[in-house]
PDB file of N, CA and C in Angstrom:
ATOM      1  N   MET A   1       0.710  -1.010   0.255  1.00  0.00           N
ATOM      2  CA  MET A   1      -0.095   0.116   0.001  1.00  0.00           C
ATOM      3  C   MET A   1       1.013   1.553   0.134  1.00  0.00           C
ATOM      4  N   PRO A   2       0.289   1.976  -0.633  1.00  0.00           N
ATOM      5  CA  PRO A   2       1.835   3.635  -0.623  1.00  0.00           C
ATOM      6  C   PRO A   2       1.268   3.974   0.436  1.00  0.00           C
ATOM      7  N   VAL A   3       2.320   5.154   0.938  1.00  0.00           N
ATOM      8  CA  VAL A   3       2.561   5.570   1.505  1.00  0.00           C
ATOM      9  C   VAL A   3       1.762   7.094   1.469  1.00  0.00           C
ATOM     10  N   GLN A   4       0.909   7.306   3.062  1.00  0.00           N
ATOM     11  CA  GLN A   4      -0.394   8.419   3.021  1.00  0.00           C
ATOM     12  C   GLN A   4       0.196   9.263   4.051  1.00  0.00           C
ATOM     13  N   HIS A   5      -0.375  10.896   3.873  1.00  0.00           N
ATOM     14  CA  HIS A   5      -0.499  10.960   4.918  1.00  0.00           C
ATOM     15  C   HIS A   5      -0.083  10.794   5.990  1.00  0.00           C
ATOM     16  N   SER A   6      -1.115  10.212   7.272  1.00  0.00           N
ATOM     17  CA  SER A   6      -1.524   9.278   7.830  1.00  0.00           C
ATOM     18  C   SER A   6      -0.049   8.978   7.781  1.00  0.00           C
ATOM     19  N   HIS A   7       0.552   7.175   7.564  1.00  0.00           N
ATOM     20  CA  HIS A   7       1.464   7.302   7.896  1.00  0.00           C
ATOM     21  C   HIS A   7       2.762   8.150   7.981  1.00  0.00           C
ATOM     22  N   ILE A   8       3.359   9.201   7.314  1.00  0.00           N
ATOM     23  CA  ILE A   8       4.255  10.382   7.771  1.00  0.00           C
ATOM     24  C   ILE A   8       3.708  10.271   9.113  1.00  0.00           C
ATOM     25  N   ASP A   9       2.642  11.339   9.246  1.00  0.00           N
ATOM     26  CA  ASP A   9       2.664  12.064  10.120  1.00  0.00           C
ATOM     27  C   ASP A   9       2.821  10.779  11.498  1.00  0.00           C
ATOM     28  N   ALA A  10       1.969   9.330  11.444  1.00  0.00           N
ATOM     29  CA  ALA A  10       2.460   8.510  12.762  1.00  0.00           C
ATOM     30  C   ALA A  10       4.570   8.223  12.637  1.00  0.00           C
ATOM     31  N   PHE A  11       5.088   8.466  12.048  1.00  0.00           N
ATOM     32  CA  PHE A  11       6.396   8.718  11.498  1.00  0.00           C
ATOM     33  C   PHE A  11       6.919   9.499  12.327  1.00  0.00           C
ATOM     34  N   LEU A  12       6.867  10.817  11.848  1.00  0.00           N
ATOM     35  CA  LEU A  12       6.646  11.682  12.755  1.00  0.00           C
ATOM     36  C   LEU A  12       6.277  11.613  14.067  1.00  0.00           C
ATOM     37  N   GLY A  13       5.529  11.691  14.559  1.00  0.00           N
ATOM     38  CA  GLY A  13       5.491  11.623  15.786  1.00  0.00           C
ATOM     39  C   GLY A  13       6.095  10.098  16.645  1.00  0.00           C
ATOM     40  N   GLN A  14       6.593   8.901  16.030  1.00  0.00           N
ATOM     41  CA  GLN A  14       7.109   7.972  17.159  1.00  0.00           C
ATOM     42  C   GLN A  14       8.531   8.717  17.176  1.00  0.00           C
ATOM     43  N   LEU A  15       9.160   9.664  15.900  1.00  0.00           N
ATOM     44  CA  LEU A  15      10.525  10.237  15.925  1.00  0.00           C
ATOM     45  C   LEU A  15      10.291  11.070  17.096  1.00  0.00           C
ATOM     46  N   GLY A  16       9.298  11.913  17.249  1.00  0.00           N
ATOM     47  CA  GLY A  16       9.053  13.381  17.889  1.00  0.00           C
ATOM     48  C   GLY A  16       9.594  12.217  19.641  1.00  0.00           C
ATOM     49  N   GLN A  17       8.307  10.781  19.733  1.00  0.00           N
ATOM     50  CA  GLN A  17       8.722   9.892  21.237  1.00  0.00           C
ATOM     51  C   GLN A  17       9.783   9.423  21.152  1.00  0.00           C
ATOM     52  N   ALA A  18      10.613   8.782  20.529  1.00  0.00           N
ATOM     53  CA  ALA A  18      12.270   8.463  20.301  1.00  0.00           C
ATOM     54  C   ALA A  18      13.125   9.452  20.863  1.00  0.00           C
ATOM     55  N   LEU A  19      13.093  10.356  19.845  1.00  0.00           N
ATOM     56  CA  LEU A  19      13.688  11.978  20.732  1.00  0.00           C
ATOM     57  C   LEU A  19      13.397  12.287  22.702  1.00  0.00           C
ATOM     58  N   THR A  20      11.942  12.552  22.297  1.00  0.00           N
ATOM     59  CA  THR A  20      11.729  12.890  23.913  1.00  0.00           C
ATOM     60  C   THR A  20      12.251  11.239  24.905  1.00  0.00           C
ATOM     61  N   SER A  21      12.309  10.412  24.298  1.00  0.00           N
ATOM     62  CA  SER A  21      12.722   9.356  25.035  1.00  0.00           C
ATOM     63  C   SER A  21      14.454   9.358  25.838  1.00  0.00           C
ATOM     64  N   GLY A  22      14.693  10.067  24.485  1.00  0.00           N
ATOM     65  CA  GLY A  22      15.680   9.595  24.510  1.00  0.00           C
ATOM     66  C   GLY A  22      16.108   8.015  23.570  1.00  0.00           C
ATOM     67  N   HIS A  23      15.339   7.166  23.495  1.00  0.00           N
ATOM     68  CA  HIS A  23      15.374   5.602  22.682  1.00  0.00           C
ATOM     69  C   HIS A  23      16.109   5.313  21.234  1.00  0.00           C
ATOM     70  N   VAL A  24      17.544   5.670  21.558  1.00  0.00           N
ATOM     71  CA  VAL A  24      18.204   6.021  20.346  1.00  0.00           C
ATOM     72  C   VAL A  24      17.979   5.344  19.417  1.00  0.00           C
ATOM     73  N   PRO A  25      17.791   3.297  19.663  1.00  0.00           N
ATOM     74  CA  PRO A  25      17.554   2.078  18.352  1.00  0.00           C
ATOM     75  C   PRO A  25      16.403   3.128  17.684  1.00  0.00           C
ATOM     76  N   ALA A  26      15.860   2.982  18.627  1.00  0.00           N
ATOM     77  CA  ALA A  26      14.252   3.823  17.081  1.00  0.00           C
ATOM     78  C   ALA A  26      14.446   5.067  16.505  1.00  0.00           C
ATOM     79  N   ILE A  27      15.977   6.072  17.325  1.00  0.00           N
ATOM     80  CA  ILE A  27      15.930   7.230  16.356  1.00  0.00           C
ATOM     81  C   ILE A  27      17.003   6.150  14.953  1.00  0.00           C
ATOM     82  N   VAL A  28      17.526   5.238  14.836  1.00  0.00           N
ATOM     83  CA  VAL A  28      18.977   4.592  14.165  1.00  0.00           C
ATOM     84  C   VAL A  28      17.596   4.408  13.195  1.00  0.00           C
ATOM     85  N   ALA A  29      16.441   3.490  13.778  1.00  0.00           N
ATOM     86  CA  ALA A  29      15.589   2.385  12.665  1.00  0.00           C
ATOM     87  C   ALA A  29      14.921   3.620  11.675  1.00  0.00           C
ATOM     88  N   ALA A  30      15.031   5.195  11.956  1.00  0.00           N
ATOM     89  CA  ALA A  30      14.436   5.668  11.470  1.00  0.00           C
ATOM     90  C   ALA A  30      14.999   6.231  10.518  1.00  0.00           C
ATOM     91  N   TRP A  31      16.064   5.724   9.862  1.00  0.00           N
ATOM     92  CA  TRP A  31      17.302   6.392   9.106  1.00  0.00           C
ATOM     93  C   TRP A  31      17.411   5.512   8.149  1.00  0.00           C
ATOM     94  N   ASP A  32      17.777   5.759   6.644  1.00  0.00           N
ATOM     95  CA  ASP A  32      18.575   5.111   5.695  1.00  0.00           C
ATOM     96  C   ASP A  32      20.208   5.152   6.218  1.00  0.00           C
ATOM     97  N   ILE A  33      20.806   4.105   5.358  1.00  0.00           N
ATOM     98  CA  ILE A  33      22.023   3.845   5.961  1.00  0.00           C
ATOM     99  C   ILE A  33      22.211   3.385   4.505  1.00  0.00           C
ATOM    100  N   PRO A  34      23.046   4.298   3.484  1.00  0.00           N
ATOM    101  CA  PRO A  34      23.855   5.634   4.066  1.00  0.00           C
ATOM    102  C   PRO A  34      22.336   6.850   3.632  1.00  0.00           C
ATOM    103  N   ALA A  35      23.297   8.068   4.532  1.00  0.00           N
ATOM    104  CA  ALA A  35      22.101   9.229   4.276  1.00  0.00           C
ATOM    105  C   ALA A  35      23.244   9.943   3.925  1.00  0.00           C
ATOM    106  N   LEU A  36      22.481  10.939   4.138  1.00  0.00           N
ATOM    107  CA  LEU A  36      22.833  12.555   3.692  1.00  0.00           C
ATOM    108  C   LEU A  36      22.374  13.840   4.675  1.00  0.00           C
ATOM    109  N   VAL A  37      23.621  13.996   5.522  1.00  0.00           N
ATOM    110  CA  VAL A  37      23.015  15.411   5.713  1.00  0.00           C
ATOM    111  C   VAL A  37      23.292  17.155   5.094  1.00  0.00           C
ATOM    112  N   LEU A  38      22.296  18.135   5.135  1.00  0.00           N
ATOM    113  CA  LEU A  38      23.189  18.959   4.613  1.00  0.00           C
ATOM    114  C   LEU A  38      22.722  20.468   6.071  1.00  0.00           C
ATOM    115  N   SER A  39      23.330  20.938   5.458  1.00  0.00           N
ATOM    116  CA  SER A  39      22.949  22.542   6.249  1.00  0.00           C
ATOM    117  C   SER A  39      24.006  23.567   5.396  1.00  0.00           C
ATOM    118  N   VAL A  40      24.142  24.797   5.981  1.00  0.00           N
ATOM    119  CA  VAL A  40      24.320  25.977   5.792  1.00  0.00           C
ATOM    120  C   VAL A  40      25.873  25.757   5.641  1.00  0.00           C
ATOM    121  N   GLU A  41      25.685  25.160   6.834  1.00  0.00           N
ATOM    122  CA  GLU A  41      27.692  24.530   6.950  1.00  0.00           C
ATOM    123  C   GLU A  41      28.690  23.695   6.017  1.00  0.00           C
ATOM    124  N   GLY A  42      27.612  22.605   5.199  1.00  0.00           N
ATOM    125  CA  GLY A  42      27.994  22.034   4.363  1.00  0.00           C
ATOM    126  C   GLY A  42      27.387  20.481   4.539  1.00  0.00           C
ATOM    127  N   GLY A  43      27.626  19.467   3.607  1.00  0.00           N
ATOM    128  CA  GLY A  43      27.102  18.263   3.787  1.00  0.00           C
ATOM    129  C   GLY A  43      28.290  17.506   4.127  1.00  0.00           C
ATOM    130  N   ARG A  44      27.596  16.211   5.051  1.00  0.00           N
ATOM    131  CA  ARG A  44      27.960  15.191   4.965  1.00  0.00           C
ATOM    132  C   ARG A  44      27.233  14.021   4.703  1.00  0.00           C
ATOM    133  N   ALA A  45      28.677  13.000   4.187  1.00  0.00           N
ATOM    134  CA  ALA A  45      27.308  11.125   4.719  1.00  0.00           C
ATOM    135  C   ALA A  45      27.294  10.549   5.140  1.00  0.00           C
ATOM    136  N   VAL A  46      26.321   9.876   5.735  1.00  0.00           N
ATOM    137  CA  VAL A  46      25.966   9.325   7.229  1.00  0.00           C
ATOM    138  C   VAL A  46      26.128   7.909   6.156  1.00  0.00           C
ATOM    139  N   ASN A  47      27.307   7.252   6.538  1.00  0.00           N
ATOM    140  CA  ASN A  47      27.382   5.321   6.352  1.00  0.00           C
ATOM    141  C   ASN A  47      27.008   4.706   7.149  1.00  0.00           C
ATOM    142  N   THR A  48      27.222   5.200   8.435  1.00  0.00           N
ATOM    143  CA  THR A  48      27.006   3.763   9.533  1.00  0.00           C
ATOM    144  C   THR A  48      25.916   4.256  10.974  1.00  0.00           C
ATOM    145  N   ILE A  49      25.572   2.998  11.367  1.00  0.00           N
ATOM    146  CA  ILE A  49      24.649   3.195  12.617  1.00  0.00           C
ATOM    147  C   ILE A  49      25.279   4.147  13.619  1.00  0.00           C
ATOM    148  N   ALA A  50      26.547   3.816  13.831  1.00  0.00           N
ATOM    149  CA  ALA A  50      27.319   4.980  14.718  1.00  0.00           C
ATOM    150  C   ALA A  50      27.108   5.602  14.642  1.00  0.00           C
ATOM    151  N   GLU A  51      27.456   6.947  13.567  1.00  0.00           N
ATOM    152  CA  GLU A  51      27.097   8.019  13.394  1.00  0.00           C
ATOM    153  C   GLU A  51      26.060   8.500  13.655  1.00  0.00           C
ATOM    154  N   ILE A  52      25.020   7.649  13.252  1.00  0.00           N
ATOM    155  CA  ILE A  52      23.954   8.860  13.701  1.00  0.00           C
ATOM    156  C   ILE A  52      23.690   8.061  15.225  1.00  0.00           C
ATOM    157  N   GLU A  53      24.231   7.406  16.238  1.00  0.00           N
ATOM    158  CA  GLU A  53      24.088   6.769  17.315  1.00  0.00           C
ATOM    159  C   GLU A  53      24.554   7.809  18.667  1.00  0.00           C
ATOM    160  N   ALA A  54      26.655   8.414  17.689  1.00  0.00           N
ATOM    161  CA  ALA A  54      27.178   9.186  18.350  1.00  0.00           C
ATOM    162  C   ALA A  54      26.127  10.453  17.751  1.00  0.00           C
ATOM    163  N   PHE A  55      25.722  11.279  16.999  1.00  0.00           N
ATOM    164  CA  PHE A  55      25.333  12.078  16.564  1.00  0.00           C
ATOM    165  C   PHE A  55      23.725  12.735  17.528  1.00  0.00           C
ATOM    166  N   TYR A  56      23.269  11.965  17.731  1.00  0.00           N
ATOM    167  CA  TYR A  56      21.708  11.765  18.465  1.00  0.00           C
ATOM    168  C   TYR A  56      21.920  11.137  19.583  1.00  0.00           C
ATOM    169  N   THR A  57      23.596  10.637  20.744  1.00  0.00           N
ATOM    170  CA  THR A  57      23.215  11.016  21.434  1.00  0.00           C
ATOM    171  C   THR A  57      24.172  12.046  21.934  1.00  0.00           C
ATOM    172  N   GLY A  58      24.558  12.450  21.333  1.00  0.00           N
ATOM    173  CA  GLY A  58      25.343  14.478  21.398  1.00  0.00           C
ATOM    174  C   GLY A  58      23.796  14.916  21.461  1.00  0.00           C
ATOM    175  N   ALA A  59      23.218  14.757  20.064  1.00  0.00           N
ATOM    176  CA  ALA A  59      21.985  16.536  20.585  1.00  0.00           C
ATOM    177  C   ALA A  59      21.198  16.185  21.764  1.00  0.00           C
ATOM    178  N   LEU A  60      20.891  14.662  22.191  1.00  0.00           N
ATOM    179  CA  LEU A  60      19.994  14.115  23.682  1.00  0.00           C
ATOM    180  C   LEU A  60      20.093  15.347  25.014  1.00  0.00           C
ATOM    181  N   ASP A  61      21.750  14.875  24.846  1.00  0.00           N
ATOM    182  CA  ASP A  61      22.610  15.654  25.911  1.00  0.00           C
ATOM    183  C   ASP A  61      22.772  17.304  25.676  1.00  0.00           C
ATOM    184  N   TRP A  62      22.659  17.911  24.751  1.00  0.00           N
ATOM    185  CA  TRP A  62      22.308  19.339  24.634  1.00  0.00           C
ATOM    186  C   TRP A  62      20.949  19.350  24.873  1.00  0.00           C
ATOM    187  N   TYR A  63      20.070  18.800  24.123  1.00  0.00           N
ATOM    188  CA  TYR A  63      18.568  19.010  24.454  1.00  0.00           C
ATOM    189  C   TYR A  63      18.633  19.128  25.969  1.00  0.00           C
ATOM    190  N   HIS A  64      18.700  18.253  26.940  1.00  0.00           N
ATOM    191  CA  HIS A  64      18.206  18.495  27.750  1.00  0.00           C
ATOM    192  C   HIS A  64      19.276  19.751  29.238  1.00  0.00           C
ATOM    193  N   SER A  65      20.449  19.681  28.450  1.00  0.00           N
ATOM    194  CA  SER A  65      21.039  20.498  29.095  1.00  0.00           C
ATOM    195  C   SER A  65      20.332  22.045  29.134  1.00  0.00           C
ATOM    196  N   GLN A  66      19.757  21.925  27.991  1.00  0.00           N
ATOM    197  CA  GLN A  66      19.004  22.842  27.141  1.00  0.00           C
ATOM    198  C   GLN A  66      17.295  23.241  28.895  1.00  0.00           C
ATOM    199  N   GLY A  67      17.535  21.901  29.268  1.00  0.00           N
ATOM    200  CA  GLY A  67      15.808  22.157  30.137  1.00  0.00           C
ATOM    201  C   GLY A  67      15.101  21.588  29.110  1.00  0.00           C
ATOM    202  N   VAL A  68      15.334  20.678  28.149  1.00  0.00           N
ATOM    203  CA  VAL A  68      14.476  20.342  27.041  1.00  0.00           C
ATOM    204  C   VAL A  68      13.733  18.871  27.424  1.00  0.00           C
ATOM    205  N   ILE A  69      12.784  18.704  28.125  1.00  0.00           N
ATOM    206  CA  ILE A  69      12.061  17.435  28.412  1.00  0.00           C
ATOM    207  C   ILE A  69      10.789  16.857  27.210  1.00  0.00           C
ATOM    208  N   ALA A  70      10.717  17.535  25.817  1.00  0.00           N
ATOM    209  CA  ALA A  70       9.641  17.032  25.422  1.00  0.00           C
ATOM    210  C   ALA A  70      10.308  17.362  24.036  1.00  0.00           C
ATOM    211  N   ILE A  71       9.701  16.675  22.691  1.00  0.00           N
ATOM    212  CA  ILE A  71      10.485  17.267  21.683  1.00  0.00           C
ATOM    213  C   ILE A  71       9.079  16.282  19.951  1.00  0.00           C
ATOM    214  N   ARG A  72       8.270  17.449  20.023  1.00  0.00           N
ATOM    215  CA  ARG A  72       6.603  16.857  18.691  1.00  0.00           C
ATOM    216  C   ARG A  72       7.241  17.931  17.110  1.00  0.00           C
ATOM    217  N   PRO A  73       6.951  16.574  16.066  1.00  0.00           N
ATOM    218  CA  PRO A  73       7.002  17.935  15.694  1.00  0.00           C
ATOM    219  C   PRO A  73       5.276  18.569  14.983  1.00  0.00           C
ATOM    220  N   GLU A  74       6.049  19.567  15.628  1.00  0.00           N
ATOM    221  CA  GLU A  74       4.241  20.768  15.448  1.00  0.00           C
ATOM    222  C   GLU A  74       3.967  20.845  14.101  1.00  0.00           C
ATOM    223  N   THR A  75       4.180  21.039  13.273  1.00  0.00           N
ATOM    224  CA  THR A  75       2.984  21.632  12.007  1.00  0.00           C
ATOM    225  C   THR A  75       4.676  20.413  10.603  1.00  0.00           C
ATOM    226  N   TRP A  76       3.763  20.008   9.663  1.00  0.00           N
ATOM    227  CA  TRP A  76       4.369  19.619   8.906  1.00  0.00           C
ATOM    228  C   TRP A  76       3.910  19.483   7.419  1.00  0.00           C
ATOM    229  N   ALA A  77       4.724  19.483   6.717  1.00  0.00           N
ATOM    230  CA  ALA A  77       3.682  19.846   5.026  1.00  0.00           C
ATOM    231  C   ALA A  77       5.006  17.979   4.076  1.00  0.00           C
ATOM    232  N   ALA A  78       4.070  17.680   3.382  1.00  0.00           N
ATOM    233  CA  ALA A  78       4.234  16.689   2.625  1.00  0.00           C
ATOM    234  C   ALA A  78       4.758  16.639   0.670  1.00  0.00           C
ATOM    235  N   ALA A  79       5.231  16.151   0.456  1.00  0.00           N
ATOM    236  CA  ALA A  79       4.715  15.776  -1.036  1.00  0.00           C
ATOM    237  C   ALA A  79       5.503  15.110  -1.636  1.00  0.00           C
ATOM    238  N   SER A  80       4.686  14.375  -2.506  1.00  0.00           N
ATOM    239  CA  SER A  80       5.476  12.987  -3.777  1.00  0.00           C
ATOM    240  C   SER A  80       6.575  13.686  -4.213  1.00  0.00           C
ATOM    241  N   LEU A  81       7.835  12.888  -4.172  1.00  0.00           N
ATOM    242  CA  LEU A  81       8.483  13.317  -5.157  1.00  0.00           C
ATOM    243  C   LEU A  81       8.421  12.077  -6.118  1.00  0.00           C
ATOM    244  N   CYS A  82       7.835  11.221  -6.004  1.00  0.00           N
ATOM    245  CA  CYS A  82       7.795  10.141  -7.249  1.00  0.00           C
ATOM    246  C   CYS A  82       7.617   9.176  -6.459  1.00  0.00           C
ATOM    247  N   PRO A  83       6.929   7.676  -6.701  1.00  0.00           N
ATOM    248  CA  PRO A  83       6.101   6.462  -6.049  1.00  0.00           C
ATOM    249  C   PRO A  83       7.653   6.095  -4.881  1.00  0.00           C
ATOM    250  N   GLY A  84       7.297   6.144  -3.784  1.00  0.00           N
ATOM    251  CA  GLY A  84       9.053   6.029  -3.055  1.00  0.00           C
ATOM    252  C   GLY A  84       9.347   7.180  -1.601  1.00  0.00           C
ATOM    253  N   LEU A  85       8.817   8.291  -2.590  1.00  0.00           N
ATOM    254  CA  LEU A  85      10.159   9.500  -2.036  1.00  0.00           C
ATOM    255  C   LEU A  85       9.193  10.150  -1.725  1.00  0.00           C
ATOM    256  N   TRP A  86       9.192  10.563  -0.238  1.00  0.00           N
ATOM    257  CA  TRP A  86       8.119  12.123  -0.116  1.00  0.00           C
ATOM    258  C   TRP A  86       9.583  13.211   0.444  1.00  0.00           C
ATOM    259  N   SER A  87       9.387  14.153   0.035  1.00  0.00           N
ATOM    260  CA  SER A  87      10.133  15.597   0.559  1.00  0.00           C
ATOM    261  C   SER A  87       8.921  16.269   1.665  1.00  0.00           C
ATOM    262  N   VAL A  88       9.601  16.269   3.147  1.00  0.00           N
ATOM    263  CA  VAL A  88       8.731  16.762   4.477  1.00  0.00           C
ATOM    264  C   VAL A  88       9.734  17.783   5.104  1.00  0.00           C
ATOM    265  N   GLU A  89       8.577  19.004   4.848  1.00  0.00           N
ATOM    266  CA  GLU A  89       9.148  19.610   5.733  1.00  0.00           C
ATOM    267  C   GLU A  89       8.731  19.616   7.041  1.00  0.00           C
ATOM    268  N   VAL A  90       9.356  20.258   7.852  1.00  0.00           N
ATOM    269  CA  VAL A  90       9.211  20.099   9.772  1.00  0.00           C
ATOM    270  C   VAL A  90       8.935  21.478  10.401  1.00  0.00           C
ATOM    271  N   ARG A  91       8.445  21.712  11.486  1.00  0.00           N
ATOM    272  CA  ARG A  91       8.458  22.262  12.514  1.00  0.00           C
ATOM    273  C   ARG A  91       8.777  21.938  13.574  1.00  0.00           C
ATOM    274  N   TRP A  92       9.898  21.678  14.297  1.00  0.00           N
ATOM    275  CA  TRP A  92       9.876  20.762  15.587  1.00  0.00           C
ATOM    276  C   TRP A  92       9.788  21.884  16.696  1.00  0.00           C
ATOM    277  N   SER A  93       8.584  21.242  18.004  1.00  0.00           N
ATOM    278  CA  SER A  93       8.353  22.296  19.009  1.00  0.00           C
ATOM    279  C   SER A  93       9.766  21.495  20.452  1.00  0.00           C
ATOM    280  N   ALA A  94       9.505  22.067  20.920  1.00  0.00           N
ATOM    281  CA  ALA A  94      10.346  21.599  22.574  1.00  0.00           C
ATOM    282  C   ALA A  94       8.974  22.168  23.767  1.00  0.00           C
ATOM    283  N   CYS A  95       9.953  20.596  24.807  1.00  0.00           N
ATOM    284  CA  CYS A  95       9.226  21.565  25.956  1.00  0.00           C
ATOM    285  C   CYS A  95       9.546  21.849  26.939  1.00  0.00           C
ATOM    286  N   ASP A  96       9.817  23.101  28.142  1.00  0.00           N
ATOM    287  CA  ASP A  96      10.484  22.863  29.153  1.00  0.00           C
ATOM    288  C   ASP A  96      10.135  21.985  30.522  1.00  0.00           C
ATOM    289  N   ALA A  97      10.735  21.989  31.111  1.00  0.00           N
ATOM    290  CA  ALA A  97       9.701  21.371  32.742  1.00  0.00           C
ATOM    291  C   ALA A  97       8.846  22.539  33.029  1.00  0.00           C
ATOM    292  N   ALA A  98       8.587  23.755  32.791  1.00  0.00           N
ATOM    293  CA  ALA A  98       7.204  23.726  33.182  1.00  0.00           C
ATOM    294  C   ALA A  98       6.101  23.510  32.339  1.00  0.00           C
ATOM    295  N   GLY A  99       6.180  22.952  31.414  1.00  0.00           N
ATOM    296  CA  GLY A  99       5.162  22.599  30.246  1.00  0.00           C
ATOM    297  C   GLY A  99       5.236  23.712  29.367  1.00  0.00           C
ATOM    298  N   ASP A 100       6.355  24.340  28.982  1.00  0.00           N
ATOM    299  CA  ASP A 100       5.754  24.985  27.929  1.00  0.00           C
ATOM    300  C   ASP A 100       6.416  24.940  26.968  1.00  0.00           C
ATOM    301  N   TRP A 101       5.545  25.014  25.609  1.00  0.00           N
ATOM    302  CA  TRP A 101       5.607  24.215  24.379  1.00  0.00           C
ATOM    303  C   TRP A 101       6.204  26.147  23.572  1.00  0.00           C
ATOM    304  N   SER A 102       7.860  25.334  23.005  1.00  0.00           N
ATOM    305  CA  SER A 102       8.327  26.908  21.719  1.00  0.00           C
ATOM    306  C   SER A 102       8.566  26.219  20.762  1.00  0.00           C
ATOM    307  N   PRO A 103       9.372  27.447  19.434  1.00  0.00           N
ATOM    308  CA  PRO A 103       9.970  26.421  18.394  1.00  0.00           C
ATOM    309  C   PRO A 103      10.546  26.120  18.800  1.00  0.00           C
ATOM    310  N   SER A 104      10.584  25.386  17.798  1.00  0.00           N
ATOM    311  CA  SER A 104      13.274  24.338  18.415  1.00  0.00           C
ATOM    312  C   SER A 104      12.861  24.117  17.525  1.00  0.00           C
ATOM    313  N   ASP A 105      13.013  23.268  16.533  1.00  0.00           N
ATOM    314  CA  ASP A 105      13.744  23.607  15.161  1.00  0.00           C
ATOM    315  C   ASP A 105      13.934  23.205  13.695  1.00  0.00           C
ATOM    316  N   HIS A 106      13.687  23.147  12.843  1.00  0.00           N
ATOM    317  CA  HIS A 106      13.780  23.844  11.087  1.00  0.00           C
ATOM    318  C   HIS A 106      14.002  22.673  10.487  1.00  0.00           C
ATOM    319  N   SER A 107      13.000  21.638   9.562  1.00  0.00           N
ATOM    320  CA  SER A 107      14.492  20.549   9.222  1.00  0.00           C
ATOM    321  C   SER A 107      13.590  20.293   8.198  1.00  0.00           C
ATOM    322  N   HIS A 108      14.007  19.351   6.779  1.00  0.00           N
ATOM    323  CA  HIS A 108      13.338  19.321   5.796  1.00  0.00           C
ATOM    324  C   HIS A 108      14.230  17.723   5.490  1.00  0.00           C
ATOM    325  N   TYR A 109      12.788  17.272   5.329  1.00  0.00           N
ATOM    326  CA  TYR A 109      13.468  15.280   5.247  1.00  0.00           C
ATOM    327  C   TYR A 109      13.200  14.926   4.202  1.00  0.00           C
ATOM    328  N   VAL A 110      13.757  14.447   2.889  1.00  0.00           N
ATOM    329  CA  VAL A 110      13.556  12.516   2.010  1.00  0.00           C
ATOM    330  C   VAL A 110      13.183  11.702   2.719  1.00  0.00           C
ATOM    331  N   LEU A 111      12.088  11.358   2.839  1.00  0.00           N
ATOM    332  CA  LEU A 111      12.459   9.762   3.052  1.00  0.00           C
ATOM    333  C   LEU A 111      11.606   8.854   2.078  1.00  0.00           C
ATOM    334  N   ARG A 112      12.292   8.103   2.146  1.00  0.00           N
ATOM    335  CA  ARG A 112      11.434   7.145   1.760  1.00  0.00           C
ATOM    336  C   ARG A 112      11.226   5.317   1.930  1.00  0.00           C
ATOM    337  N   GLU A 113      10.529   4.688   1.302  1.00  0.00           N
ATOM    338  CA  GLU A 113       9.560   4.129   1.844  1.00  0.00           C
ATOM    339  C   GLU A 113      10.266   3.020   1.295  1.00  0.00           C
ATOM    340  N   THR A 114      10.658   2.367   2.995  1.00  0.00           N
ATOM    341  CA  THR A 114      10.786   0.893   2.557  1.00  0.00           C
ATOM    342  C   THR A 114      10.662  -0.318   1.862  1.00  0.00           C
ATOM    343  N   CYS A 115      10.165  -1.470   1.034  1.00  0.00           N
ATOM    344  CA  CYS A 115       9.739  -2.664   1.219  1.00  0.00           C
ATOM    345  C   CYS A 115       8.858  -2.975   1.486  1.00  0.00           C
ATOM    346  N   ALA A 116       8.942  -3.010   3.248  1.00  0.00           N
ATOM    347  CA  ALA A 116       7.938  -2.914   4.313  1.00  0.00           C
ATOM    348  C   ALA A 116       6.810  -2.466   4.534  1.00  0.00           C
ATOM    349  N   GLY A 117       7.164  -0.944   3.042  1.00  0.00           N
ATOM    350  CA  GLY A 117       6.722  -0.208   3.815  1.00  0.00           C
ATOM    351  C   GLY A 117       6.373   1.292   4.818  1.00  0.00           C
ATOM    352  N   GLY A 118       7.175   0.723   5.327  1.00  0.00           N
ATOM    353  CA  GLY A 118       7.444   1.722   6.513  1.00  0.00           C
ATOM    354  C   GLY A 118       8.456   3.151   5.970  1.00  0.00           C
ATOM    355  N   LEU A 119       8.940   3.550   6.905  1.00  0.00           N
ATOM    356  CA  LEU A 119       9.813   5.182   5.989  1.00  0.00           C
ATOM    357  C   LEU A 119      10.706   5.254   7.058  1.00  0.00           C
ATOM    358  N   ARG A 120      11.739   6.014   6.282  1.00  0.00           N
ATOM    359  CA  ARG A 120      13.497   5.994   6.224  1.00  0.00           C
ATOM    360  C   ARG A 120      13.474   7.177   6.335  1.00  0.00           C
ATOM    361  N   ILE A 121      14.309   8.090   6.980  1.00  0.00           N
ATOM    362  CA  ILE A 121      15.327   9.250   6.007  1.00  0.00           C
ATOM    363  C   ILE A 121      16.444   8.908   5.873  1.00  0.00           C
ATOM    364  N   SER A 122      16.217   9.629   4.621  1.00  0.00           N
ATOM    365  CA  SER A 122      17.376   9.000   2.865  1.00  0.00           C
ATOM    366  C   SER A 122      17.678  10.858   3.158  1.00  0.00           C
ATOM    367  N   VAL A 123      17.147  11.851   3.216  1.00  0.00           N
ATOM    368  CA  VAL A 123      18.326  13.086   3.364  1.00  0.00           C
ATOM    369  C   VAL A 123      17.473  13.640   5.121  1.00  0.00           C
ATOM    370  N   ALA A 124      19.117  14.511   5.113  1.00  0.00           N
ATOM    371  CA  ALA A 124      17.685  15.201   6.099  1.00  0.00           C
ATOM    372  C   ALA A 124      18.566  16.731   5.818  1.00  0.00           C
ATOM    373  N   ILE A 125      17.889  17.933   5.997  1.00  0.00           N
ATOM    374  CA  ILE A 125      18.463  19.133   6.022  1.00  0.00           C
ATOM    375  C   ILE A 125      18.201  20.113   6.939  1.00  0.00           C
ATOM    376  N   GLY A 126      18.957  20.587   7.772  1.00  0.00           N
ATOM    377  CA  GLY A 126      18.690  21.781   8.892  1.00  0.00           C
ATOM    378  C   GLY A 126      18.251  23.175   8.476  1.00  0.00           C
ATOM    379  N   LEU A 127      17.278  23.516   8.638  1.00  0.00           N
ATOM    380  CA  LEU A 127      17.237  25.353   8.477  1.00  0.00           C
ATOM    381  C   LEU A 127      17.349  25.640   9.170  1.00  0.00           C
ATOM    382  N   ASN A 128      17.626  26.937   8.832  1.00  0.00           N
ATOM    383  CA  ASN A 128      18.199  28.089  10.204  1.00  0.00           C
ATOM    384  C   ASN A 128      16.713  28.788   9.786  1.00  0.00           C
ATOM    385  N   ASN A 129      15.621  29.008   9.767  1.00  0.00           N
ATOM    386  CA  ASN A 129      14.705  30.227  10.220  1.00  0.00           C
ATOM    387  C   ASN A 129      13.427  29.087  10.499  1.00  0.00           C
TER     388      ASN A 129
END
């Protein structure tokens, strides 16, 4: 069955839950290997699970040091690039210990549908706006 917007919503929600709980294996499972990460600082290929684990372990430590206790996709928009590939723009929100939600990261992803019907991040782009 082709991916529907409800699948993307569930994927992003599960990713947010994994980020909130610090469940690195679930975060890793959301990624294709290899993948590409782009930002205004440059791009880099991600070729191993260990690279994803190291990045997210550091990112989760930083979030916690900033008082972030939860992360969720706030708004998102998706467009099919072709069968099996989706372009998804996401604005993430972060919750502090007082329960206040505020805008956090703004990202763009290219998601690939797997043979089993799941989604994986093939390209991640950090947006600075």
